[in-house]
Protein backbone atom coordinates (compact mmCIF):
# COMPACT_ATOMS: atom_id res chain seq x y z
CA UNK A 1 0.00 0.00 0.00
CA UNK A 2 1.28 3.48 -0.90
CA UNK A 3 0.90 4.94 2.58
CA UNK A 4 2.70 2.08 4.29
CA UNK A 5 5.55 2.50 1.81
CA UNK A 6 5.74 6.21 2.63
CA UNK A 7 5.78 5.45 6.35
CA UNK A 8 8.63 2.96 5.96
CA UNK A 9 10.52 5.51 3.84
CA UNK A 10 10.27 8.23 6.48
CA UNK A 11 11.28 5.84 9.27
CA UNK A 12 14.33 4.69 7.30
CA UNK A 13 15.30 8.28 6.47
CA UNK A 14 15.03 9.22 10.13
CA UNK A 15 17.30 6.41 11.30
CA UNK A 16 19.89 7.14 8.60
CA UNK A 17 19.90 10.86 9.43
CA UNK A 18 20.51 10.36 13.14
CA UNK A 19 24.20 10.23 14.08
CA UNK A 20 23.26 8.29 17.20
CA UNK A 21 20.30 6.07 18.00
CA UNK A 22 20.36 7.24 21.63
CA UNK A 23 17.42 9.60 22.20
CA UNK A 24 17.60 12.88 24.07
CA UNK A 25 14.68 11.65 26.17
CA UNK A 26 12.53 8.53 26.43
CA UNK A 27 9.72 7.21 28.58
CA UNK A 28 7.46 4.21 28.91
CA UNK A 29 4.82 2.63 31.10
CA UNK A 30 2.44 -0.25 31.57
CA UNK A 31 -1.10 0.88 32.37
CA UNK A 32 -4.40 -0.57 33.55
CA UNK A 33 -7.58 1.24 32.53
CA UNK A 34 -11.33 1.17 32.87
CA UNK A 35 -13.52 3.04 30.35
CA UNK A 36 -17.02 3.93 31.57
CA UNK A 37 -19.39 5.18 28.85
CA UNK A 38 -22.18 7.59 29.74
CA UNK A 39 -25.67 6.10 29.80
CA UNK A 40 -26.62 8.26 26.80
CA UNK A 41 -23.70 6.84 24.80
CA UNK A 42 -24.60 3.28 25.79
CA UNK A 43 -28.22 3.75 24.75
CA UNK A 44 -27.68 5.67 21.50
CA UNK A 45 -24.53 4.08 20.12
CA UNK A 46 -24.60 0.60 21.71
CA UNK A 47 -21.32 1.16 23.51
CA UNK A 48 -20.23 -1.04 26.42
CA UNK A 49 -17.88 -0.35 29.32
CA UNK A 50 -14.60 -2.23 29.22
CA UNK A 51 -11.19 -2.59 30.84
CA UNK A 52 -7.92 -2.59 28.94
CA UNK A 53 -4.24 -3.21 29.49
CA UNK A 54 -1.87 -0.78 27.79
CA UNK A 55 1.79 -0.44 26.88
CA UNK A 56 2.87 3.13 26.10
CA UNK A 57 6.14 4.86 25.28
CA UNK A 58 7.95 7.56 23.39
CA UNK A 59 11.32 9.11 22.63
CA UNK A 60 12.80 12.29 21.19
CA UNK A 61 15.87 12.96 19.07
CA UNK A 62 17.25 16.22 17.73
CA UNK A 63 15.34 15.67 14.49
CA UNK A 64 12.26 13.68 15.46
CA UNK A 65 9.81 12.63 18.15
CA UNK A 66 8.10 9.24 18.32
CA UNK A 67 5.13 8.08 20.43
CA UNK A 68 3.13 4.89 20.45
CA UNK A 69 0.86 2.57 22.37
CA UNK A 70 -0.61 -0.92 22.24
CA UNK A 71 -3.86 -1.65 24.10
CA UNK A 72 -5.47 -5.02 24.81
CA UNK A 73 -9.17 -4.35 25.31
CA UNK A 74 -11.31 -6.85 27.22
CA UNK A 75 -8.12 -8.84 27.97
CA UNK A 76 -9.94 -11.63 29.82
CA UNK A 77 -12.39 -12.21 26.94
CA UNK A 78 -12.03 -13.92 23.57
CA UNK A 79 -12.66 -13.08 19.90
CA UNK A 80 -15.83 -15.16 20.02
CA UNK A 81 -17.59 -12.97 22.61
CA UNK A 82 -20.36 -10.75 21.27
CA UNK A 83 -19.61 -7.06 20.60
CA UNK A 84 -18.84 -4.89 22.55
CA UNK A 85 -17.42 -7.54 24.89
CA UNK A 86 -15.05 -9.22 22.43
CA UNK A 87 -11.25 -9.21 22.75
CA UNK A 88 -9.76 -6.29 20.78
CA UNK A 89 -6.28 -4.96 20.06
CA UNK A 90 -5.65 -1.28 19.30
CA UNK A 91 -2.41 0.50 18.48
CA UNK A 92 -1.23 4.00 17.64
CA UNK A 93 2.01 5.44 16.25
CA UNK A 94 2.79 9.16 16.01
CA UNK A 95 6.00 10.31 14.31
CA UNK A 96 7.09 13.93 13.80
CA UNK A 97 10.21 14.64 11.75
CA UNK A 98 11.80 18.08 11.96
CA UNK A 99 11.74 20.18 8.77
CA UNK A 100 12.80 23.66 9.92
CA UNK A 101 11.88 26.21 12.60
CA UNK A 102 9.67 23.73 14.52
CA UNK A 103 7.69 22.71 11.42
CA UNK A 104 7.39 18.92 11.13
CA UNK A 105 6.42 16.13 8.81
CA UNK A 106 3.56 14.54 10.72
CA UNK A 107 2.68 10.84 10.41
CA UNK A 108 0.18 8.95 12.53
CA UNK A 109 -1.51 5.59 12.28
CA UNK A 110 -4.30 4.11 14.41
CA UNK A 111 -5.36 0.48 14.07
CA UNK A 112 -7.97 -1.67 15.81
CA UNK A 113 -8.41 -5.37 15.28
CA UNK A 114 -11.05 -7.78 16.51
CA UNK A 115 -12.62 -10.74 14.76
CA UNK A 116 -13.85 -10.16 12.11
CA UNK A 117 -13.84 -6.32 12.31
CA UNK A 118 -10.77 -4.15 11.78
CA UNK A 119 -10.06 -0.48 11.09
CA UNK A 120 -6.97 1.51 10.13
CA UNK A 121 -6.70 5.33 10.02
CA UNK A 122 -3.53 6.78 8.49
CA UNK A 123 -2.65 10.49 8.34
CA UNK A 124 0.27 12.12 6.51
CA UNK A 125 0.74 15.86 6.76
CA UNK A 126 2.44 18.80 8.44
CA UNK A 127 2.69 19.85 12.06
CA UNK A 128 4.21 22.53 14.23
CA UNK A 129 5.39 22.51 17.84
CA UNK A 130 5.26 25.48 20.20
CA UNK A 131 7.05 25.01 23.51
CA UNK A 132 7.27 27.49 26.38
CA UNK A 133 9.58 27.78 29.38
CA UNK A 134 6.75 27.32 31.88
CA UNK A 135 5.59 23.75 31.25
CA UNK A 136 3.36 24.22 28.19
CA UNK A 137 3.68 22.78 24.71
CA UNK A 138 1.17 22.81 21.86
CA UNK A 139 1.36 20.85 18.61
CA UNK A 140 -1.23 21.39 15.86
CA UNK A 141 -1.24 19.28 12.70
CA UNK A 142 -3.16 18.77 9.46
CA UNK A 143 -2.93 16.11 6.78
CA UNK A 144 -4.57 13.81 4.28
CA UNK A 145 -6.53 10.90 5.74
CA UNK A 146 -6.69 7.30 4.53
CA UNK A 147 -9.32 4.89 5.93
CA UNK A 148 -9.22 1.10 5.73
CA UNK A 149 -11.93 -1.21 7.10
CA UNK A 150 -14.12 -4.07 5.79
CA UNK A 151 -16.47 -1.59 4.06
CA UNK A 152 -14.16 1.17 2.79
CA UNK A 153 -10.55 1.44 1.66
CA UNK A 154 -9.43 4.72 0.08
CA UNK A 155 -8.49 8.35 0.64
CA UNK A 156 -11.08 9.77 3.00
CA UNK A 157 -10.68 13.54 3.20
CA UNK A 158 -8.50 15.26 5.75
CA UNK A 159 -7.70 15.33 9.43
CA UNK A 160 -6.58 18.26 11.55
CA UNK A 161 -6.07 18.54 15.27
CA UNK A 162 -3.73 19.26 18.11
CA UNK A 163 -1.97 18.01 21.21
CA UNK A 164 -1.74 20.27 24.27
CA UNK A 165 0.25 19.61 27.46
CA UNK A 166 0.70 21.64 30.66
CA UNK A 167 2.92 20.50 33.56
CA UNK A 168 2.48 22.04 37.01
CA UNK A 169 3.13 21.23 40.67
CA UNK A 170 0.81 21.30 43.68
CA UNK A 171 2.08 20.37 47.17
CA UNK A 172 5.19 18.79 45.62
CA UNK A 173 3.09 16.50 43.42
CA UNK A 174 3.62 16.71 39.66
CA UNK A 175 0.45 17.22 37.61
CA UNK A 176 -0.13 17.17 33.87
CA UNK A 177 -3.15 18.52 31.99
CA UNK A 178 -3.34 17.00 28.52
CA UNK A 179 -5.74 17.42 25.59
CA UNK A 180 -5.75 15.62 22.26
CA UNK A 181 -8.29 16.46 19.59
CA UNK A 182 -8.84 15.27 16.02
CA UNK A 183 -11.27 16.61 13.43
CA UNK A 184 -11.98 14.68 10.23
CA UNK A 185 -13.53 16.65 7.37
CA UNK A 186 -14.22 16.28 3.67
CA UNK A 187 -14.90 12.56 4.02
CA UNK A 188 -15.75 10.58 0.89
CA UNK A 189 -19.54 10.20 0.59
CA UNK A 190 -19.08 6.47 0.05
CA UNK A 191 -17.75 6.30 3.60
CA UNK A 192 -20.82 7.73 5.35
CA UNK A 193 -23.72 7.25 2.85
CA UNK A 194 -25.03 4.08 1.22
CA UNK A 195 -26.10 3.87 -2.44
CA UNK A 196 -29.56 5.19 -1.53
CA UNK A 197 -28.10 8.23 0.28
CA UNK A 198 -28.94 6.91 3.74
CA UNK A 199 -26.36 7.69 6.47
CA UNK A 200 -24.26 4.71 7.57
CA UNK A 201 -21.45 4.29 10.11
CA UNK A 202 -20.26 7.70 11.30
CA UNK A 203 -23.06 9.24 9.22
CA UNK A 204 -21.54 12.64 8.36
CA UNK A 205 -18.83 14.26 6.24
CA UNK A 206 -17.01 15.29 9.43
CA UNK A 207 -16.14 13.70 12.76
CA UNK A 208 -14.70 14.69 16.13
CA UNK A 209 -12.51 12.57 18.39
CA UNK A 210 -10.50 13.35 21.51
CA UNK A 211 -9.95 13.38 25.27
CA UNK A 212 -9.05 15.77 28.09
CA UNK A 213 -7.02 14.22 30.89
CA UNK A 214 -5.50 15.07 34.26
CA UNK A 215 -2.50 13.07 35.50
CA UNK A 216 -0.91 12.98 38.95
CA UNK A 217 2.56 11.53 39.48
CA UNK A 218 2.38 9.89 42.91
CA UNK A 219 6.02 8.82 42.76
CA UNK A 220 8.72 8.10 40.20
CA UNK A 221 7.04 4.85 39.20
CA UNK A 222 3.32 5.43 39.82
CA UNK A 223 0.86 7.75 38.06
CA UNK A 224 -2.93 7.94 38.21
CA UNK A 225 -5.20 9.71 35.75
CA UNK A 226 -8.76 10.64 34.89
CA UNK A 227 -9.82 11.27 31.27
CA UNK A 228 -12.94 12.71 29.70
CA UNK A 229 -13.25 10.84 26.40
CA UNK A 230 -15.50 12.24 23.65
CA UNK A 231 -16.42 11.61 20.03
CA UNK A 232 -19.04 12.90 17.59
CA UNK A 233 -19.88 11.27 14.23
CA UNK A 234 -17.02 8.90 14.98
CA UNK A 235 -16.39 5.39 16.34
CA UNK A 236 -19.11 4.05 14.06
CA UNK A 237 -21.93 6.19 15.51
CA UNK A 238 -23.65 9.34 14.11
CA UNK A 239 -24.08 10.83 17.58
CA UNK A 240 -22.13 12.45 20.40
CA UNK A 241 -20.45 9.95 22.74
CA UNK A 242 -18.65 10.49 26.04
CA UNK A 243 -16.93 8.40 28.69
CA UNK A 244 -14.72 8.60 31.75
CA UNK A 245 -11.45 6.64 31.76
CA UNK A 246 -9.72 5.71 35.02
CA UNK A 247 -6.03 4.86 34.67
CA UNK A 248 -3.16 3.55 36.79
CA UNK A 249 0.36 3.60 35.28
CA UNK A 250 3.60 1.94 36.27
CA UNK A 251 6.43 4.05 34.80
CA UNK A 252 9.82 2.63 33.90
């Protein structure tokens, strides 16, 4: 596939350009999570609460930053369980390669796999990173969007969004306020309308996806967090959805 080839090209270029593989910074954790959908979301979009086990990490070099995660959703269940209780695997990779003056090549890929459903969202575009001296950084991006699932496989409009992070301290505890937000727009009509013009899946030419989170570092190795998860015309439902996510992380 063209987009996978481009991703491999950028990764290879990055590794060849770096004089040393040792990053300027790196981090990682194992996390345990519970996602609790609102009653409205459960009733209107047939969502179900679930737990998941996650592996998360990232690193930064002089010319690039890399972040990724792998989640095992409903880890005690199997593929044969009925949706939304089936075993699922989700992953995400975010790569930003420095161009000049904090402008970046931005590449991200999200994938979810269950049996028999799967989905893959790939974005290739441009980003920018603003970083202050008082614990704030902000990274907007925009790019072309490619969707791949059992019902659609093609270019699917565009995606724009941002990441926002603010570190602060209260009573010697380290806090982090984090917001990620994605907006899909200009989707292909074949993605959200059937041949008769009836809405299907996400149901609109645009979609919203994101979360606002608050993290507290209890010690070097332990972090707890609370997230407000939201989506609109996304996650297979033409309606607004929201959830709370409770997280415990072991940092290494």
